[in-house]
């Protein structure tokens, strides 16, 4: 976290967390990769008191549209039967998206 004056700013390069360079040498199918780890880092910087958060998104190894990040932040996704959707590739079955029950204090991140 960078402190500039009275503002605490977290600068996160997503490629360092969920980037192509972070993948082991074995091959992964793109459907197996998501943004969950980035969501966990956002929770941590909020916990440490960041007032502003800037996220660089270049070089990431995901294409889940932020589904994993939303899950890490506490969002819940359900199908018509009320069952949790745990993989972004099943979002075509989405019937309900529920916001987190607790305040995660990330409304100031940009």
N, C-alpha and C. Protein backbone atom coordinates (compact mmCIF):
# COMPACT_ATOMS: atom_id res chain seq x y z
N UNK A 1 0.85 -1.16 0.00
CA UNK A 1 0.00 0.00 0.00
C UNK A 1 0.90 1.23 0.00
N UNK A 2 0.55 2.22 -0.79
CA UNK A 2 1.31 3.46 -0.90
C UNK A 2 0.61 4.53 -0.06
N UNK A 3 1.37 5.26 0.72
CA UNK A 3 0.80 6.36 1.50
C UNK A 3 1.30 7.67 0.90
N UNK A 4 0.37 8.49 0.42
CA UNK A 4 0.71 9.79 -0.17
C UNK A 4 -0.06 10.86 0.59
N UNK A 5 0.61 11.61 1.43
CA UNK A 5 -0.08 12.60 2.23
C UNK A 5 -0.99 11.90 3.23
N UNK A 6 -2.23 12.31 3.27
CA UNK A 6 -3.19 11.72 4.21
C UNK A 6 -3.98 10.59 3.58
N UNK A 7 -3.70 10.26 2.33
CA UNK A 7 -4.48 9.24 1.61
C UNK A 7 -3.73 7.92 1.58
N UNK A 8 -4.41 6.86 1.93
CA UNK A 8 -3.84 5.52 1.81
C UNK A 8 -4.36 4.92 0.51
N UNK A 9 -3.45 4.65 -0.40
CA UNK A 9 -3.83 4.13 -1.71
C UNK A 9 -3.18 2.77 -1.93
N UNK A 10 -3.99 1.80 -2.31
CA UNK A 10 -3.47 0.49 -2.71
C UNK A 10 -3.40 0.46 -4.22
N UNK A 11 -2.26 0.05 -4.74
CA UNK A 11 -2.08 -0.12 -6.18
C UNK A 11 -1.82 -1.60 -6.41
N UNK A 12 -2.72 -2.22 -7.15
CA UNK A 12 -2.65 -3.67 -7.36
C UNK A 12 -2.48 -3.95 -8.85
N UNK A 13 -1.47 -4.72 -9.19
CA UNK A 13 -1.30 -5.18 -10.56
C UNK A 13 -1.84 -6.59 -10.61
N UNK A 14 -2.99 -6.76 -11.24
CA UNK A 14 -3.65 -8.07 -11.24
C UNK A 14 -2.78 -9.16 -11.86
N UNK A 15 -1.93 -8.81 -12.80
CA UNK A 15 -1.07 -9.82 -13.43
C UNK A 15 -0.13 -10.48 -12.42
N UNK A 16 0.18 -9.79 -11.32
CA UNK A 16 1.04 -10.37 -10.28
C UNK A 16 0.28 -11.40 -9.45
N UNK A 17 -1.03 -11.40 -9.53
CA UNK A 17 -1.85 -12.30 -8.73
C UNK A 17 -2.50 -13.38 -9.59
N UNK A 18 -3.08 -12.95 -10.71
CA UNK A 18 -3.83 -13.88 -11.57
C UNK A 18 -3.34 -13.79 -13.01
N UNK A 19 -2.06 -13.49 -13.18
CA UNK A 19 -1.53 -13.26 -14.51
C UNK A 19 -1.00 -14.49 -15.22
N UNK A 20 -0.77 -14.33 -16.49
CA UNK A 20 -0.24 -15.41 -17.32
C UNK A 20 1.10 -15.91 -16.78
N UNK A 21 1.94 -15.00 -16.30
CA UNK A 21 3.27 -15.39 -15.80
C UNK A 21 3.17 -16.20 -14.50
N UNK A 22 2.04 -16.17 -13.83
CA UNK A 22 1.87 -16.90 -12.57
C UNK A 22 1.50 -18.37 -12.80
N UNK A 23 1.15 -18.71 -14.03
CA UNK A 23 0.73 -20.09 -14.32
C UNK A 23 1.92 -21.03 -14.36
N UNK A 24 1.78 -22.22 -13.82
CA UNK A 24 2.84 -23.23 -13.95
C UNK A 24 3.04 -23.59 -15.42
N UNK A 25 4.12 -24.26 -15.71
CA UNK A 25 4.44 -24.57 -17.11
C UNK A 25 3.43 -25.52 -17.76
N UNK A 26 2.72 -26.31 -16.96
CA UNK A 26 1.71 -27.19 -17.55
C UNK A 26 0.56 -26.35 -18.09
N UNK A 27 -0.14 -26.88 -19.04
CA UNK A 27 -1.20 -26.13 -19.71
C UNK A 27 -2.48 -26.12 -18.89
N UNK A 28 -3.15 -25.00 -18.90
CA UNK A 28 -4.44 -24.85 -18.24
C UNK A 28 -5.47 -24.45 -19.27
N UNK A 29 -6.67 -24.96 -19.10
CA UNK A 29 -7.76 -24.53 -19.95
C UNK A 29 -8.26 -23.19 -19.42
N UNK A 30 -8.54 -22.22 -20.28
CA UNK A 30 -8.97 -20.90 -19.80
C UNK A 30 -10.23 -20.94 -18.94
N UNK A 31 -11.05 -21.96 -19.07
CA UNK A 31 -12.26 -22.05 -18.25
C UNK A 31 -11.94 -22.40 -16.80
N UNK A 32 -10.71 -22.83 -16.52
CA UNK A 32 -10.32 -23.19 -15.16
C UNK A 32 -9.74 -22.00 -14.39
N UNK A 33 -9.60 -20.86 -15.01
CA UNK A 33 -8.95 -19.71 -14.40
C UNK A 33 -9.97 -18.62 -14.09
N UNK A 34 -9.86 -17.98 -12.91
CA UNK A 34 -10.80 -16.92 -12.57
C UNK A 34 -10.14 -15.83 -11.74
N UNK A 35 -10.93 -14.86 -11.33
CA UNK A 35 -10.44 -13.68 -10.63
C UNK A 35 -10.61 -13.77 -9.11
N UNK A 36 -10.83 -14.94 -8.56
CA UNK A 36 -11.06 -15.12 -7.12
C UNK A 36 -9.90 -14.55 -6.30
N UNK A 37 -8.67 -14.83 -6.70
CA UNK A 37 -7.51 -14.34 -5.96
C UNK A 37 -7.45 -12.82 -5.89
N UNK A 38 -7.85 -12.15 -6.95
CA UNK A 38 -7.89 -10.69 -6.95
C UNK A 38 -8.90 -10.18 -5.93
N UNK A 39 -10.04 -10.84 -5.85
CA UNK A 39 -11.05 -10.46 -4.86
C UNK A 39 -10.52 -10.59 -3.44
N UNK A 40 -9.76 -11.66 -3.18
CA UNK A 40 -9.17 -11.85 -1.85
C UNK A 40 -8.18 -10.72 -1.52
N UNK A 41 -7.41 -10.30 -2.50
CA UNK A 41 -6.46 -9.20 -2.28
C UNK A 41 -7.22 -7.89 -2.02
N UNK A 42 -8.30 -7.65 -2.74
CA UNK A 42 -9.10 -6.45 -2.49
C UNK A 42 -9.64 -6.43 -1.06
N UNK A 43 -10.10 -7.58 -0.59
CA UNK A 43 -10.56 -7.67 0.80
C UNK A 43 -9.44 -7.33 1.78
N UNK A 44 -8.26 -7.82 1.49
CA UNK A 44 -7.12 -7.58 2.38
C UNK A 44 -6.71 -6.11 2.42
N UNK A 45 -6.66 -5.44 1.27
CA UNK A 45 -6.26 -4.03 1.29
C UNK A 45 -7.33 -3.18 1.97
N UNK A 46 -8.59 -3.56 1.83
CA UNK A 46 -9.66 -2.84 2.55
C UNK A 46 -9.49 -3.03 4.05
N UNK A 47 -9.16 -4.26 4.46
CA UNK A 47 -8.95 -4.56 5.87
C UNK A 47 -7.77 -3.76 6.44
N UNK A 48 -6.78 -3.51 5.60
CA UNK A 48 -5.59 -2.77 6.05
C UNK A 48 -5.78 -1.25 5.99
N UNK A 49 -6.97 -0.81 5.58
CA UNK A 49 -7.29 0.62 5.64
C UNK A 49 -7.11 1.42 4.38
N UNK A 50 -7.04 0.78 3.22
CA UNK A 50 -6.91 1.54 1.97
C UNK A 50 -8.13 2.43 1.79
N UNK A 51 -7.89 3.67 1.40
CA UNK A 51 -8.98 4.61 1.13
C UNK A 51 -9.30 4.65 -0.36
N UNK A 52 -8.30 4.36 -1.17
CA UNK A 52 -8.45 4.33 -2.62
C UNK A 52 -7.70 3.11 -3.13
N UNK A 53 -8.24 2.50 -4.16
CA UNK A 53 -7.62 1.31 -4.73
C UNK A 53 -7.62 1.42 -6.24
N UNK A 54 -6.45 1.26 -6.84
CA UNK A 54 -6.32 1.28 -8.29
C UNK A 54 -5.84 -0.11 -8.70
N UNK A 55 -6.56 -0.72 -9.65
CA UNK A 55 -6.23 -2.07 -10.10
C UNK A 55 -5.87 -2.03 -11.58
N UNK A 56 -4.65 -2.48 -11.90
CA UNK A 56 -4.25 -2.65 -13.29
C UNK A 56 -4.70 -4.02 -13.76
N UNK A 57 -5.31 -4.09 -14.92
CA UNK A 57 -5.88 -5.37 -15.36
C UNK A 57 -5.15 -6.01 -16.53
N UNK A 58 -4.11 -5.41 -17.03
CA UNK A 58 -3.39 -6.00 -18.15
C UNK A 58 -2.65 -7.27 -17.78
N UNK A 59 -2.58 -8.22 -18.69
CA UNK A 59 -1.81 -9.43 -18.49
C UNK A 59 -2.44 -10.49 -17.61
N UNK A 60 -3.72 -10.33 -17.31
CA UNK A 60 -4.36 -11.36 -16.48
C UNK A 60 -4.62 -12.61 -17.31
N UNK A 61 -4.74 -13.72 -16.63
CA UNK A 61 -4.95 -15.00 -17.31
C UNK A 61 -6.40 -15.45 -17.19
N UNK A 62 -7.30 -14.52 -17.04
CA UNK A 62 -8.70 -14.89 -16.82
C UNK A 62 -9.61 -14.23 -17.84
N UNK A 63 -10.79 -14.79 -17.97
CA UNK A 63 -11.83 -14.16 -18.79
C UNK A 63 -13.20 -14.45 -18.19
N UNK A 64 -13.27 -14.42 -16.86
CA UNK A 64 -14.53 -14.73 -16.17
C UNK A 64 -15.39 -13.50 -15.92
N UNK A 65 -14.98 -12.34 -16.40
CA UNK A 65 -15.78 -11.14 -16.24
C UNK A 65 -15.90 -10.66 -14.80
N UNK A 66 -15.00 -11.10 -13.93
CA UNK A 66 -15.03 -10.69 -12.53
C UNK A 66 -15.85 -11.59 -11.63
N UNK A 67 -16.34 -12.71 -12.16
CA UNK A 67 -17.17 -13.64 -11.37
C UNK A 67 -16.43 -14.13 -10.13
N UNK A 68 -15.20 -14.58 -10.28
CA UNK A 68 -14.43 -15.07 -9.14
C UNK A 68 -14.20 -13.98 -8.11
N UNK A 69 -13.91 -12.77 -8.57
CA UNK A 69 -13.71 -11.65 -7.67
C UNK A 69 -14.98 -11.37 -6.88
N UNK A 70 -16.11 -11.36 -7.56
CA UNK A 70 -17.39 -11.12 -6.89
C UNK A 70 -17.66 -12.20 -5.84
N UNK A 71 -17.36 -13.45 -6.16
CA UNK A 71 -17.53 -14.53 -5.17
C UNK A 71 -16.65 -14.29 -3.95
N UNK A 72 -15.40 -13.90 -4.18
CA UNK A 72 -14.48 -13.65 -3.06
C UNK A 72 -14.97 -12.49 -2.20
N UNK A 73 -15.66 -11.54 -2.81
CA UNK A 73 -16.18 -10.38 -2.08
C UNK A 73 -17.51 -10.68 -1.40
N UNK A 74 -18.02 -11.90 -1.58
CA UNK A 74 -19.22 -12.30 -0.85
C UNK A 74 -20.50 -12.39 -1.65
N UNK A 75 -20.45 -12.12 -2.94
CA UNK A 75 -21.64 -12.26 -3.76
C UNK A 75 -22.00 -13.74 -3.89
N UNK A 76 -23.30 -14.01 -4.02
CA UNK A 76 -23.78 -15.38 -4.20
C UNK A 76 -24.59 -15.42 -5.49
N UNK A 77 -24.37 -16.46 -6.26
CA UNK A 77 -25.05 -16.64 -7.54
C UNK A 77 -25.81 -17.96 -7.50
N UNK A 78 -27.09 -17.92 -7.91
CA UNK A 78 -27.93 -19.12 -7.83
C UNK A 78 -28.63 -19.39 -9.15
N UNK A 79 -28.92 -20.67 -9.38
CA UNK A 79 -29.73 -21.06 -10.53
C UNK A 79 -31.21 -21.07 -10.11
N UNK A 80 -32.10 -21.47 -11.02
CA UNK A 80 -33.54 -21.47 -10.72
C UNK A 80 -33.91 -22.39 -9.58
N UNK A 81 -33.13 -23.43 -9.33
CA UNK A 81 -33.41 -24.37 -8.24
C UNK A 81 -32.87 -23.86 -6.90
N UNK A 82 -32.25 -22.68 -6.90
CA UNK A 82 -31.70 -22.12 -5.67
C UNK A 82 -30.33 -22.67 -5.31
N UNK A 83 -29.74 -23.41 -6.22
CA UNK A 83 -28.41 -23.98 -5.99
C UNK A 83 -27.33 -22.96 -6.36
N UNK A 84 -26.25 -22.97 -5.60
CA UNK A 84 -25.16 -22.04 -5.85
C UNK A 84 -24.48 -22.35 -7.18
N UNK A 85 -24.20 -21.31 -7.93
CA UNK A 85 -23.38 -21.43 -9.14
C UNK A 85 -21.95 -21.13 -8.70
N UNK A 86 -21.08 -22.10 -8.86
CA UNK A 86 -19.70 -21.95 -8.38
C UNK A 86 -18.69 -21.74 -9.50
N UNK A 87 -19.08 -22.01 -10.72
CA UNK A 87 -18.18 -21.85 -11.87
C UNK A 87 -18.77 -20.82 -12.83
N UNK A 88 -17.93 -19.93 -13.32
CA UNK A 88 -18.43 -18.89 -14.20
C UNK A 88 -18.97 -19.45 -15.52
N UNK A 89 -18.53 -20.62 -15.88
CA UNK A 89 -19.01 -21.23 -17.12
C UNK A 89 -20.47 -21.68 -17.00
N UNK A 90 -21.03 -21.65 -15.79
CA UNK A 90 -22.43 -22.01 -15.58
C UNK A 90 -23.33 -20.78 -15.42
N UNK A 91 -22.82 -19.61 -15.72
CA UNK A 91 -23.61 -18.40 -15.54
C UNK A 91 -24.82 -18.32 -16.47
N UNK A 92 -24.85 -19.15 -17.50
CA UNK A 92 -26.03 -19.17 -18.36
C UNK A 92 -27.26 -19.68 -17.60
N UNK A 93 -27.05 -20.29 -16.44
CA UNK A 93 -28.14 -20.79 -15.60
C UNK A 93 -28.52 -19.80 -14.50
N UNK A 94 -27.92 -18.61 -14.51
CA UNK A 94 -28.13 -17.63 -13.44
C UNK A 94 -29.59 -17.20 -13.34
N UNK A 95 -30.11 -17.27 -12.13
CA UNK A 95 -31.46 -16.79 -11.84
C UNK A 95 -31.44 -15.67 -10.82
N UNK A 96 -30.46 -15.71 -9.89
CA UNK A 96 -30.41 -14.72 -8.81
C UNK A 96 -28.97 -14.43 -8.43
N UNK A 97 -28.66 -13.15 -8.27
CA UNK A 97 -27.36 -12.72 -7.74
C UNK A 97 -27.64 -11.92 -6.48
N UNK A 98 -27.03 -12.33 -5.37
CA UNK A 98 -27.26 -11.69 -4.08
C UNK A 98 -26.00 -10.98 -3.60
N UNK A 99 -26.18 -9.75 -3.14
CA UNK A 99 -25.06 -8.96 -2.61
C UNK A 99 -24.59 -9.54 -1.29
N UNK A 100 -23.35 -9.25 -0.92
CA UNK A 100 -22.83 -9.73 0.37
C UNK A 100 -23.68 -9.24 1.54
N UNK A 101 -23.78 -10.06 2.57
CA UNK A 101 -24.57 -9.69 3.74
C UNK A 101 -23.84 -8.72 4.66
N UNK A 102 -22.52 -8.67 4.54
CA UNK A 102 -21.76 -7.75 5.40
C UNK A 102 -21.10 -6.67 4.56
N UNK A 103 -20.89 -5.52 5.18
CA UNK A 103 -20.23 -4.40 4.52
C UNK A 103 -18.75 -4.73 4.35
N UNK A 104 -18.28 -4.67 3.12
CA UNK A 104 -16.88 -4.99 2.86
C UNK A 104 -16.03 -3.75 2.66
N UNK A 105 -16.65 -2.59 2.75
CA UNK A 105 -15.95 -1.30 2.71
C UNK A 105 -15.03 -1.16 1.50
N UNK A 106 -15.52 -1.55 0.35
CA UNK A 106 -14.73 -1.37 -0.88
C UNK A 106 -15.38 -0.39 -1.84
N UNK A 107 -16.39 0.32 -1.39
CA UNK A 107 -17.06 1.26 -2.27
C UNK A 107 -16.15 2.41 -2.68
N UNK A 108 -15.02 2.56 -2.03
CA UNK A 108 -14.10 3.65 -2.35
C UNK A 108 -13.00 3.22 -3.31
N UNK A 109 -12.95 1.95 -3.63
CA UNK A 109 -11.94 1.49 -4.58
C UNK A 109 -12.36 1.87 -5.99
N UNK A 110 -11.40 2.22 -6.82
CA UNK A 110 -11.74 2.59 -8.18
C UNK A 110 -10.75 1.98 -9.15
